[in-house]
Amino acid sequence: MIEGNRDERLAEAVALRASGEREKARQQLLALSADSPADAEVAYQTAWAHDVLGLEAEAVPFYELALADNGAGLSEKDRRGAFLGYGSTLRGLGRYSKAVEVFRRGVAEFPDDNALRTFSAMALYNVGEHHEAMRTLLEVVAETSSDPGIQGYRAAIEHYAKDLDAVE
């Protein structure tokens, strides 16, 4: 067992992941998760450690724990990351409907988070909600692009994003 308190152990594991020692970080986080099974922050970091190793299926239960009670126990930054990581992981596993559900929860809490909105659009595409996916992407492009051509037509892009099938 790794010596030290929860905060020290968590900081060490996160530093290991950041420095590229991903498997060692995962092992330490698994041990910490066993000692702190209801800790949302530990669960989120453990999920992330699995994701960076391509162990998406193993990350799922940790994301679920991290986001239980709407991510109570996570900082705002970590809640955003947990929604993005969990939704993306589900999408990567082909669990598209569940991914859409997770992204909708995340976007509802963080409506201005363009990464969440973009990944949500990908999941929406996967479940056949092409209009909603395209609308979302057009809105993100119009809002965030610094391209002069896009900005010159921003109002038109935003107008058409509302209903691409409308004929004027």
Protein backbone atom coordinates (compact mmCIF):
# COMPACT_ATOMS: atom_id res chain seq x y z
CA MET A 1 0.00 0.00 0.00
CA ILE A 2 1.17 3.50 -0.77
CA GLU A 3 1.95 5.56 2.30
CA GLY A 4 0.46 8.98 2.88
CA ASN A 5 -2.94 10.52 3.20
CA ARG A 6 -5.60 10.59 0.52
CA ASP A 7 -4.62 13.99 -0.87
CA GLU A 8 -0.93 13.11 -1.11
CA ARG A 9 -1.68 9.77 -2.73
CA LEU A 10 -4.05 11.36 -5.23
CA ALA A 11 -1.59 14.11 -6.11
CA GLU A 12 1.17 11.55 -6.62
CA ALA A 13 -0.98 9.41 -8.91
CA VAL A 14 -2.08 12.41 -10.98
CA ALA A 15 1.56 13.51 -11.30
CA LEU A 16 2.52 10.01 -12.45
CA ARG A 17 -0.18 10.07 -15.13
CA ALA A 18 0.89 13.54 -16.26
CA SER A 19 4.53 12.45 -16.50
CA GLY A 20 3.66 9.46 -18.69
CA GLU A 21 3.78 6.74 -16.04
CA ARG A 22 0.21 5.86 -16.81
CA GLU A 23 0.08 2.23 -15.70
CA LYS A 24 1.75 3.04 -12.39
CA ALA A 25 -0.74 5.88 -11.91
CA ARG A 26 -3.63 3.53 -12.67
CA GLN A 27 -2.43 0.99 -10.13
CA GLN A 28 -2.08 3.66 -7.46
CA LEU A 29 -5.52 5.04 -8.24
CA LEU A 30 -7.07 1.59 -8.08
CA ALA A 31 -5.57 1.15 -4.60
CA LEU A 32 -6.80 4.57 -3.57
CA SER A 33 -10.26 3.80 -4.99
CA ALA A 34 -10.40 0.65 -2.92
CA ASP A 35 -9.63 2.72 0.19
CA SER A 36 -12.05 5.53 -0.79
CA PRO A 37 -14.84 3.84 -2.77
CA ALA A 38 -17.30 6.74 -2.53
CA ASP A 39 -14.83 9.54 -3.31
CA ALA A 40 -15.95 11.28 -6.53
CA GLU A 41 -12.59 12.93 -7.18
CA VAL A 42 -10.69 9.67 -6.79
CA ALA A 43 -13.24 7.94 -9.03
CA TYR A 44 -12.85 10.62 -11.73
CA GLN A 45 -9.06 10.41 -11.67
CA THR A 46 -9.26 6.60 -11.77
CA ALA A 47 -11.60 6.75 -14.78
CA TRP A 48 -9.22 9.14 -16.53
CA ALA A 49 -6.27 6.85 -15.81
CA HIS A 50 -8.10 3.98 -17.50
CA ASP A 51 -9.11 6.11 -20.48
CA VAL A 52 -5.57 7.26 -21.25
CA LEU A 53 -4.52 3.61 -21.40
CA GLY A 54 -7.33 2.72 -23.81
CA LEU A 55 -9.21 0.81 -21.11
CA GLU A 56 -12.51 2.54 -21.78
CA ALA A 57 -14.80 -0.24 -20.55
CA GLU A 58 -12.94 -0.33 -17.24
CA ALA A 59 -13.29 3.47 -16.93
CA VAL A 60 -17.11 3.42 -17.10
CA PRO A 61 -17.93 2.42 -13.51
CA PHE A 62 -15.50 5.02 -12.19
CA TYR A 63 -17.12 7.76 -14.30
CA GLU A 64 -20.52 6.63 -13.07
CA LEU A 65 -19.37 6.91 -9.47
CA ALA A 66 -17.75 10.30 -10.10
CA LEU A 67 -20.97 11.68 -11.60
CA ALA A 68 -23.34 10.14 -9.06
CA ASP A 69 -25.30 12.89 -7.35
CA ASN A 70 -24.54 15.16 -10.35
CA GLY A 71 -20.83 15.15 -9.62
CA ALA A 72 -21.11 16.30 -6.01
CA GLY A 73 -17.57 16.26 -4.66
CA LEU A 74 -16.01 17.35 -7.95
CA SER A 75 -14.80 20.82 -8.77
CA GLU A 76 -16.49 22.56 -11.69
CA LYS A 77 -13.46 21.82 -13.87
CA ASP A 78 -13.53 18.14 -12.94
CA ARG A 79 -17.32 17.87 -13.49
CA ARG A 80 -16.81 19.26 -17.00
CA GLY A 81 -14.00 16.77 -17.56
CA ALA A 82 -16.04 13.90 -16.17
CA PHE A 83 -19.00 14.64 -18.44
CA LEU A 84 -16.71 14.92 -21.45
CA GLY A 85 -14.67 11.83 -20.58
CA TYR A 86 -17.66 9.68 -19.70
CA GLY A 87 -19.71 10.69 -22.74
CA SER A 88 -16.75 10.25 -25.06
CA THR A 89 -15.93 6.87 -23.54
CA LEU A 90 -19.51 5.68 -23.97
CA ARG A 91 -19.53 6.91 -27.56
CA GLY A 92 -16.24 5.11 -28.23
CA LEU A 93 -17.78 1.92 -26.85
CA GLY A 94 -20.75 2.26 -29.19
CA ARG A 95 -23.15 3.12 -26.37
CA TYR A 96 -24.46 6.09 -28.33
CA SER A 97 -27.80 6.66 -26.61
CA LYS A 98 -26.20 6.67 -23.18
CA ALA A 99 -23.50 9.01 -24.50
CA VAL A 100 -26.17 11.45 -25.72
CA GLU A 101 -27.80 11.30 -22.29
CA VAL A 102 -24.51 12.08 -20.54
CA PHE A 103 -23.65 14.89 -22.93
CA ARG A 104 -27.12 16.40 -22.49
CA ARG A 105 -26.57 16.46 -18.73
CA GLY A 106 -23.18 18.07 -19.22
CA VAL A 107 -24.39 20.66 -21.72
CA ALA A 108 -27.36 21.49 -19.47
CA GLU A 109 -24.94 22.31 -16.67
CA PHE A 110 -22.30 23.92 -18.89
CA PRO A 111 -24.13 25.34 -21.93
CA ASP A 112 -21.15 27.41 -23.04
CA ASP A 113 -18.67 24.52 -23.02
CA ASN A 114 -17.91 24.10 -26.71
CA ALA A 115 -15.95 20.88 -26.23
CA LEU A 116 -18.99 19.27 -24.60
CA ARG A 117 -21.24 20.64 -27.33
CA THR A 118 -18.94 19.34 -30.09
CA PHE A 119 -18.62 15.85 -28.62
CA SER A 120 -22.36 15.87 -28.01
CA ALA A 121 -22.89 16.58 -31.72
CA MET A 122 -20.85 13.51 -32.61
CA ALA A 123 -23.02 11.32 -30.37
CA LEU A 124 -26.17 12.92 -31.75
CA TYR A 125 -24.98 12.01 -35.24
CA ASN A 126 -24.47 8.41 -34.11
CA VAL A 127 -28.09 8.12 -32.92
CA GLY A 128 -29.43 9.59 -36.15
CA GLU A 129 -30.21 13.05 -34.79
CA HIS A 130 -28.44 14.65 -37.74
CA HIS A 131 -30.31 17.94 -37.66
CA GLU A 132 -29.50 18.52 -33.99
CA ALA A 133 -25.88 17.48 -34.54
CA MET A 134 -25.47 19.83 -37.49
CA ARG A 135 -27.22 22.69 -35.67
CA THR A 136 -24.90 22.30 -32.72
CA LEU A 137 -21.77 22.23 -34.85
CA LEU A 138 -22.84 25.24 -36.91
CA GLU A 139 -23.51 27.20 -33.73
CA VAL A 140 -20.11 26.30 -32.31
CA VAL A 141 -18.38 27.27 -35.55
CA ALA A 142 -20.25 30.58 -35.76
CA GLU A 143 -19.52 31.41 -32.13
CA THR A 144 -15.88 30.40 -31.98
CA SER A 145 -14.30 30.77 -35.40
CA SER A 146 -11.92 33.66 -35.92
CA ASP A 147 -11.97 33.05 -39.66
CA PRO A 148 -13.01 36.32 -41.34
CA GLY A 149 -15.14 34.44 -43.88
CA ILE A 150 -17.06 32.64 -41.17
CA GLN A 151 -17.48 35.80 -39.12
CA GLY A 152 -18.65 37.68 -42.22
CA TYR A 153 -21.50 35.19 -42.54
CA ARG A 154 -22.04 34.53 -38.84
CA ALA A 155 -25.61 35.84 -38.78
CA ALA A 156 -26.55 33.71 -41.79
CA ILE A 157 -24.90 30.60 -40.33
CA GLU A 158 -26.71 31.10 -37.02
CA HIS A 159 -30.00 31.66 -38.88
CA TYR A 160 -29.66 28.51 -40.98
CA ALA A 161 -28.46 26.48 -38.00
CA LYS A 162 -31.95 26.83 -36.49
CA ASP A 163 -33.58 25.01 -39.43
CA LEU A 164 -31.43 23.74 -42.30
CA ASP A 165 -34.50 22.53 -44.16
CA ALA A 166 -36.26 25.90 -44.23
CA VAL A 167 -36.85 27.35 -47.67
CA GLU A 168 -37.10 31.09 -47.93
